[in-house]
Amino acid sequence: MDGYPIYGPYQSAGKLALSCWQKRDYSRSSPVGCSSGARSCVLVDPLDYTKGSRWVYSGPSFTSTISTLSGNPITCSSGIYKQDYFFNFS
């Protein structure tokens, strides 16, 4: 026992605890988006999206299908890759 209480999905006063990790919106108008509207940028710091993004070679489109190492097909929709998420502290 370390003395720290274990909480379930609820915080004190019955408030539901929500994750601060949110799925990115890659559209140009989004503060976490890319100028191309596709996976062509990564956040400089996923823990602080206000630091902006930097261009990278374009990742797979949101409708592409790739195969895992075991041969299973996966559609590359938003939310598949870790870069598809950012920490929204506001």
N, C-alpha and C. Protein backbone atom coordinates (compact mmCIF):
# COMPACT_ATOMS: atom_id res chain seq x y z
N MET A 1 0.84 -1.19 0.00
CA MET A 1 0.00 0.00 0.00
C MET A 1 0.88 1.24 0.00
N ASP A 2 0.59 2.15 -0.93
CA ASP A 2 1.38 3.38 -0.99
C ASP A 2 0.59 4.59 -0.53
N GLY A 3 -0.68 4.43 -0.19
CA GLY A 3 -1.46 5.53 0.32
C GLY A 3 -2.21 6.33 -0.73
N TYR A 4 -1.94 6.05 -2.03
CA TYR A 4 -2.66 6.77 -3.08
C TYR A 4 -4.00 6.10 -3.36
N PRO A 5 -5.07 6.87 -3.38
CA PRO A 5 -6.37 6.26 -3.67
C PRO A 5 -6.46 5.82 -5.13
N ILE A 6 -7.21 4.79 -5.39
CA ILE A 6 -7.43 4.31 -6.75
C ILE A 6 -8.80 4.79 -7.18
N TYR A 7 -8.82 5.54 -8.26
CA TYR A 7 -10.08 6.07 -8.78
C TYR A 7 -10.50 5.28 -10.01
N GLY A 8 -11.76 5.17 -10.19
CA GLY A 8 -12.31 4.56 -11.40
C GLY A 8 -12.47 5.63 -12.45
N PRO A 9 -13.50 5.53 -13.27
CA PRO A 9 -13.70 6.53 -14.31
C PRO A 9 -14.25 7.86 -13.77
N TYR A 10 -14.46 7.94 -12.46
CA TYR A 10 -15.03 9.16 -11.88
C TYR A 10 -14.04 9.81 -10.92
N GLN A 11 -14.01 11.15 -10.97
CA GLN A 11 -13.21 11.92 -10.03
C GLN A 11 -14.07 12.24 -8.82
N SER A 12 -13.57 13.09 -7.97
CA SER A 12 -14.34 13.50 -6.80
C SER A 12 -15.61 14.22 -7.22
N ALA A 13 -16.58 14.25 -6.37
CA ALA A 13 -17.88 14.91 -6.59
C ALA A 13 -18.64 14.27 -7.76
N GLY A 14 -18.33 13.03 -8.10
CA GLY A 14 -19.08 12.32 -9.12
C GLY A 14 -18.85 12.79 -10.55
N LYS A 15 -17.78 13.55 -10.82
CA LYS A 15 -17.49 14.01 -12.18
C LYS A 15 -16.79 12.91 -12.96
N LEU A 16 -17.25 12.67 -14.18
CA LEU A 16 -16.62 11.67 -15.03
C LEU A 16 -15.27 12.18 -15.51
N ALA A 17 -14.22 11.40 -15.32
CA ALA A 17 -12.88 11.77 -15.77
C ALA A 17 -12.77 11.53 -17.27
N LEU A 18 -12.30 12.52 -18.00
CA LEU A 18 -12.15 12.42 -19.45
C LEU A 18 -10.68 12.54 -19.83
N SER A 19 -10.28 11.83 -20.85
CA SER A 19 -8.91 11.90 -21.33
C SER A 19 -8.67 13.23 -22.04
N CYS A 20 -7.47 13.76 -21.89
CA CYS A 20 -7.09 14.98 -22.59
C CYS A 20 -6.51 14.68 -23.97
N TRP A 21 -6.31 13.40 -24.31
CA TRP A 21 -5.82 13.03 -25.63
C TRP A 21 -6.98 13.08 -26.60
N GLN A 22 -6.82 13.86 -27.67
CA GLN A 22 -7.88 14.01 -28.66
C GLN A 22 -7.36 13.67 -30.05
N LYS A 23 -8.27 13.20 -30.88
CA LYS A 23 -7.92 12.87 -32.26
C LYS A 23 -7.72 14.15 -33.06
N ARG A 24 -6.66 14.19 -33.87
CA ARG A 24 -6.36 15.37 -34.68
C ARG A 24 -7.35 15.53 -35.82
N ASP A 25 -7.62 16.77 -36.13
CA ASP A 25 -8.37 17.16 -37.31
C ASP A 25 -7.34 17.72 -38.27
N TYR A 26 -7.07 17.03 -39.36
CA TYR A 26 -5.99 17.42 -40.28
C TYR A 26 -6.38 18.55 -41.24
N SER A 27 -7.60 19.06 -41.15
CA SER A 27 -8.03 20.11 -42.09
C SER A 27 -7.22 21.39 -41.88
N ARG A 28 -7.13 22.21 -42.92
CA ARG A 28 -6.35 23.45 -42.87
C ARG A 28 -6.81 24.40 -41.79
N SER A 29 -8.11 24.43 -41.53
CA SER A 29 -8.66 25.39 -40.57
C SER A 29 -8.45 24.98 -39.11
N SER A 30 -8.00 23.77 -38.88
CA SER A 30 -7.80 23.28 -37.51
C SER A 30 -6.45 23.74 -36.96
N PRO A 31 -6.39 24.07 -35.66
CA PRO A 31 -5.09 24.47 -35.08
C PRO A 31 -4.07 23.33 -35.06
N VAL A 32 -4.50 22.09 -35.23
CA VAL A 32 -3.58 20.96 -35.27
C VAL A 32 -3.54 20.32 -36.65
N GLY A 33 -4.07 21.02 -37.66
CA GLY A 33 -4.13 20.49 -39.02
C GLY A 33 -2.88 20.76 -39.83
N CYS A 34 -2.90 20.28 -41.07
CA CYS A 34 -1.80 20.47 -42.01
C CYS A 34 -2.29 21.31 -43.18
N SER A 35 -1.40 22.02 -43.81
CA SER A 35 -1.79 22.90 -44.91
C SER A 35 -2.39 22.13 -46.08
N SER A 36 -2.02 20.86 -46.23
CA SER A 36 -2.55 20.06 -47.33
C SER A 36 -3.86 19.38 -46.96
N GLY A 37 -4.22 19.37 -45.68
CA GLY A 37 -5.42 18.67 -45.24
C GLY A 37 -5.22 17.16 -45.17
N ALA A 38 -3.97 16.71 -45.28
CA ALA A 38 -3.64 15.28 -45.23
C ALA A 38 -2.56 15.06 -44.17
N ARG A 39 -2.11 13.84 -44.04
CA ARG A 39 -1.04 13.53 -43.09
C ARG A 39 0.30 13.98 -43.66
N SER A 40 0.53 15.28 -43.70
CA SER A 40 1.78 15.80 -44.26
C SER A 40 2.54 16.64 -43.24
N CYS A 41 2.12 16.60 -41.98
CA CYS A 41 2.85 17.31 -40.93
C CYS A 41 2.69 16.56 -39.62
N VAL A 42 3.64 16.77 -38.74
CA VAL A 42 3.57 16.23 -37.38
C VAL A 42 3.69 17.39 -36.41
N LEU A 43 3.12 17.23 -35.25
CA LEU A 43 3.22 18.27 -34.24
C LEU A 43 4.64 18.31 -33.69
N VAL A 44 5.17 19.49 -33.48
CA VAL A 44 6.51 19.64 -32.91
C VAL A 44 6.55 18.98 -31.53
N ASP A 45 5.49 19.18 -30.75
CA ASP A 45 5.38 18.59 -29.42
C ASP A 45 3.93 18.13 -29.22
N PRO A 46 3.64 16.84 -29.28
CA PRO A 46 2.27 16.36 -29.12
C PRO A 46 1.68 16.69 -27.75
N LEU A 47 2.54 17.03 -26.78
CA LEU A 47 2.04 17.41 -25.46
C LEU A 47 1.71 18.89 -25.37
N ASP A 48 2.13 19.68 -26.37
CA ASP A 48 1.81 21.11 -26.42
C ASP A 48 1.59 21.50 -27.88
N TYR A 49 0.36 21.35 -28.35
CA TYR A 49 0.06 21.60 -29.76
C TYR A 49 0.25 23.05 -30.17
N THR A 50 0.34 23.97 -29.20
CA THR A 50 0.52 25.39 -29.53
C THR A 50 1.92 25.67 -30.10
N LYS A 51 2.84 24.72 -30.00
CA LYS A 51 4.19 24.89 -30.57
C LYS A 51 4.20 24.71 -32.08
N GLY A 52 3.07 24.32 -32.65
CA GLY A 52 2.96 24.20 -34.09
C GLY A 52 3.33 22.84 -34.64
N SER A 53 3.48 22.79 -35.96
CA SER A 53 3.78 21.54 -36.62
C SER A 53 4.91 21.75 -37.63
N ARG A 54 5.44 20.65 -38.13
CA ARG A 54 6.47 20.71 -39.15
C ARG A 54 6.10 19.73 -40.26
N TRP A 55 6.51 20.08 -41.47
CA TRP A 55 6.20 19.28 -42.64
C TRP A 55 6.99 17.99 -42.62
N VAL A 56 6.38 16.92 -43.05
CA VAL A 56 7.05 15.63 -43.26
C VAL A 56 6.55 15.07 -44.59
N TYR A 57 7.21 14.05 -45.07
CA TYR A 57 6.69 13.40 -46.27
C TYR A 57 5.29 12.89 -45.95
N SER A 58 4.41 13.02 -46.88
CA SER A 58 3.01 12.68 -46.65
C SER A 58 2.84 11.22 -46.25
N GLY A 59 2.05 11.01 -45.22
CA GLY A 59 1.73 9.67 -44.77
C GLY A 59 0.60 9.11 -45.62
N PRO A 60 0.11 7.92 -45.28
CA PRO A 60 -0.95 7.31 -46.08
C PRO A 60 -2.24 8.12 -46.00
N SER A 61 -3.00 8.09 -47.10
CA SER A 61 -4.29 8.79 -47.10
C SER A 61 -5.24 8.10 -46.14
N PHE A 62 -6.31 8.78 -45.80
CA PHE A 62 -7.26 8.25 -44.83
C PHE A 62 -8.09 7.09 -45.37
N THR A 63 -8.01 6.84 -46.66
CA THR A 63 -8.76 5.74 -47.26
C THR A 63 -7.86 4.60 -47.73
N SER A 64 -6.54 4.75 -47.57
CA SER A 64 -5.61 3.69 -47.97
C SER A 64 -5.78 2.46 -47.10
N THR A 65 -5.44 1.32 -47.66
CA THR A 65 -5.43 0.08 -46.89
C THR A 65 -4.00 -0.44 -46.88
N ILE A 66 -3.51 -0.76 -45.69
CA ILE A 66 -2.16 -1.32 -45.55
C ILE A 66 -2.28 -2.70 -44.93
N SER A 67 -1.20 -3.46 -44.96
CA SER A 67 -1.19 -4.77 -44.33
C SER A 67 -0.25 -4.75 -43.14
N THR A 68 -0.67 -5.38 -42.06
CA THR A 68 0.19 -5.51 -40.88
C THR A 68 1.25 -6.56 -41.17
N LEU A 69 2.21 -6.71 -40.27
CA LEU A 69 3.25 -7.72 -40.46
C LEU A 69 2.66 -9.13 -40.53
N SER A 70 1.52 -9.33 -39.89
CA SER A 70 0.88 -10.65 -39.93
C SER A 70 -0.07 -10.80 -41.12
N GLY A 71 -0.14 -9.76 -41.98
CA GLY A 71 -0.94 -9.86 -43.19
C GLY A 71 -2.37 -9.38 -43.07
N ASN A 72 -2.74 -8.82 -41.92
CA ASN A 72 -4.10 -8.33 -41.75
C ASN A 72 -4.26 -6.95 -42.38
N PRO A 73 -5.32 -6.73 -43.15
CA PRO A 73 -5.53 -5.42 -43.77
C PRO A 73 -6.11 -4.43 -42.77
N ILE A 74 -5.62 -3.18 -42.82
CA ILE A 74 -6.12 -2.12 -41.94
C ILE A 74 -6.34 -0.88 -42.79
N THR A 75 -7.51 -0.26 -42.66
CA THR A 75 -7.78 1.01 -43.34
C THR A 75 -7.15 2.12 -42.51
N CYS A 76 -6.46 3.04 -43.15
CA CYS A 76 -5.69 4.08 -42.47
C CYS A 76 -6.55 5.27 -42.07
N SER A 77 -7.70 5.04 -41.52
CA SER A 77 -8.57 6.15 -41.10
C SER A 77 -7.91 6.92 -39.96
N SER A 78 -8.39 8.10 -39.70
CA SER A 78 -7.83 8.92 -38.62
C SER A 78 -7.99 8.21 -37.29
N GLY A 79 -6.91 8.13 -36.53
CA GLY A 79 -6.93 7.47 -35.23
C GLY A 79 -6.14 6.18 -35.21
N ILE A 80 -5.59 5.77 -36.35
CA ILE A 80 -4.81 4.54 -36.42
C ILE A 80 -3.38 4.74 -35.91
N TYR A 81 -2.80 5.88 -36.22
CA TYR A 81 -1.40 6.14 -35.86
C TYR A 81 -1.31 7.03 -34.63
N LYS A 82 -0.19 6.92 -33.89
CA LYS A 82 -0.02 7.74 -32.69
C LYS A 82 0.02 9.23 -33.01
N GLN A 83 0.49 9.60 -34.22
CA GLN A 83 0.52 11.00 -34.61
C GLN A 83 -0.88 11.57 -34.84
N ASP A 84 -1.89 10.70 -34.86
CA ASP A 84 -3.27 11.14 -35.05
C ASP A 84 -3.87 11.72 -33.76
N TYR A 85 -3.10 11.76 -32.70
CA TYR A 85 -3.60 12.26 -31.41
C TYR A 85 -2.71 13.37 -30.87
N PHE A 86 -3.30 14.24 -30.08
CA PHE A 86 -2.56 15.30 -29.40
C PHE A 86 -3.17 15.51 -28.02
N PHE A 87 -2.38 16.11 -27.13
CA PHE A 87 -2.81 16.35 -25.76
C PHE A 87 -3.42 17.75 -25.70
N ASN A 88 -4.70 17.83 -25.40
CA ASN A 88 -5.40 19.11 -25.32
C ASN A 88 -5.55 19.49 -23.86
N PHE A 89 -4.68 20.37 -23.40
CA PHE A 89 -4.64 20.73 -21.99
C PHE A 89 -5.63 21.84 -21.64
N SER A 90 -6.33 22.40 -22.59
CA SER A 90 -7.25 23.50 -22.31
C SER A 90 -8.60 23.02 -21.83
